[in-house]
Amino acid sequence: LGYETISRILLWRTKIKEDPIKIGEARSDILQGIALLEERSLHLLSAFGYMNLGELFFDIDYQQEALENLKKAESMYLKMQIPPQSYWLARIREDLAKLVRI
């Protein structure tokens, strides 16, 4: 389930770049996938899902939604005590820094 859900999230990121009009469908599908991950206590994958959702919103210039989802992912990783220098937290912080510059 975990990898299948992550694959769907990554597929949506690709599809939205081609057709941003489907953002509502993408958001709904991704959030359903994240909810399934959370139900199964797959928190690491759930945080990855929020990070990708945030990056998807960033890609299509939905800045507030990007900020909310990136902050959620960051918070989840910190709660799981992922080291601050980890790749995923560094990536999120780079994305957040880009949003602040806009």
Protein backbone atom coordinates (compact mmCIF):
# COMPACT_ATOMS: atom_id res chain seq x y z
CA LEU A 1 0.00 0.00 0.00
CA GLY A 2 2.72 2.47 0.97
CA TYR A 3 4.72 2.30 -2.22
CA GLU A 4 1.61 2.18 -4.37
CA THR A 5 0.33 5.35 -2.73
CA ILE A 6 3.67 7.12 -3.11
CA SER A 7 3.77 6.09 -6.77
CA ARG A 8 0.35 7.68 -7.30
CA ILE A 9 1.51 10.89 -5.63
CA LEU A 10 4.58 11.07 -7.86
CA LEU A 11 2.46 10.28 -10.92
CA TRP A 12 0.16 13.21 -10.08
CA ARG A 13 3.17 15.51 -9.84
CA THR A 14 4.04 14.58 -13.42
CA LYS A 15 0.45 14.86 -14.67
CA ILE A 16 -0.12 18.28 -13.10
CA LYS A 17 2.91 19.71 -14.86
CA GLU A 18 1.26 18.73 -18.13
CA ASP A 19 -2.30 19.72 -17.16
CA PRO A 20 -2.61 22.02 -14.10
CA ILE A 21 -6.40 22.18 -14.53
CA LYS A 22 -6.67 18.80 -12.77
CA ILE A 23 -5.31 20.15 -9.48
CA GLY A 24 -8.59 19.51 -7.65
CA GLU A 25 -8.59 15.86 -8.66
CA ALA A 26 -4.90 15.55 -7.80
CA ARG A 27 -5.34 17.16 -4.37
CA SER A 28 -8.25 14.86 -3.52
CA ASP A 29 -6.47 11.70 -4.66
CA ILE A 30 -3.24 12.59 -2.90
CA LEU A 31 -5.00 13.46 0.37
CA GLN A 32 -6.92 10.16 0.22
CA GLY A 33 -3.61 8.35 -0.22
CA ILE A 34 -2.05 10.22 2.69
CA ALA A 35 -5.08 9.39 4.86
CA LEU A 36 -4.60 5.68 4.08
CA LEU A 37 -0.92 5.93 5.00
CA GLU A 38 -1.80 7.65 8.27
CA GLU A 39 -4.45 5.01 9.09
CA ARG A 40 -1.77 2.37 8.75
CA SER A 41 0.69 4.39 10.85
CA LEU A 42 3.06 4.82 7.91
CA HIS A 43 4.01 8.27 9.15
CA LEU A 44 7.31 8.50 7.30
CA LEU A 45 5.56 7.91 3.98
CA SER A 46 2.73 10.22 4.98
CA ALA A 47 5.21 13.05 5.61
CA PHE A 48 6.78 12.29 2.23
CA GLY A 49 3.30 12.61 0.72
CA TYR A 50 2.73 16.03 2.28
CA MET A 51 6.15 17.17 1.10
CA ASN A 52 5.34 16.15 -2.46
CA LEU A 53 1.91 17.75 -2.28
CA GLY A 54 3.59 20.95 -1.14
CA GLU A 55 6.07 20.77 -3.99
CA LEU A 56 3.26 20.10 -6.46
CA PHE A 57 1.49 23.26 -5.28
CA PHE A 58 4.77 25.17 -5.50
CA ASP A 59 5.24 23.98 -9.09
CA ILE A 60 1.90 25.48 -10.12
CA ASP A 61 2.31 28.65 -8.05
CA TYR A 62 -0.21 27.88 -5.28
CA GLN A 63 2.05 29.41 -2.66
CA GLN A 64 -0.21 29.25 0.40
CA GLU A 65 -1.08 25.59 -0.18
CA ALA A 66 2.59 24.82 -0.81
CA LEU A 67 3.57 26.50 2.45
CA GLU A 68 0.89 24.66 4.47
CA ASN A 69 1.83 21.22 3.17
CA LEU A 70 5.58 21.74 3.41
CA LYS A 71 5.20 22.96 7.00
CA LYS A 72 3.04 19.92 7.79
CA ALA A 73 5.70 17.58 6.36
CA GLU A 74 8.45 19.39 8.26
CA SER A 75 6.48 19.16 11.50
CA MET A 76 5.85 15.45 11.00
CA TYR A 77 9.51 14.70 10.33
CA LEU A 78 10.57 16.67 13.41
CA LYS A 79 7.97 14.87 15.54
CA MET A 80 9.46 11.56 14.34
CA GLN A 81 12.88 12.90 15.41
CA ILE A 82 14.33 12.74 11.92
CA PRO A 83 17.77 14.40 12.16
CA PRO A 84 17.69 18.05 11.02
CA GLN A 85 20.48 17.37 8.52
CA SER A 86 18.54 14.57 6.79
CA TYR A 87 17.98 14.86 3.05
CA TRP A 88 14.19 15.21 3.36
CA LEU A 89 14.25 17.96 5.97
CA ALA A 90 16.96 19.81 4.05
CA ARG A 91 14.85 19.55 0.90
CA ILE A 92 11.77 20.88 2.69
CA ARG A 93 13.74 23.76 4.15
CA GLU A 94 15.11 24.64 0.71
CA ASP A 95 11.56 24.66 -0.64
CA LEU A 96 10.37 26.84 2.25
CA ALA A 97 13.25 29.25 1.66
CA LYS A 98 12.19 29.56 -2.00
CA LEU A 99 8.67 30.42 -0.90
CA VAL A 100 9.92 33.12 1.44
CA ARG A 101 11.91 34.72 -1.40
CA ILE A 102 8.85 34.96 -3.65
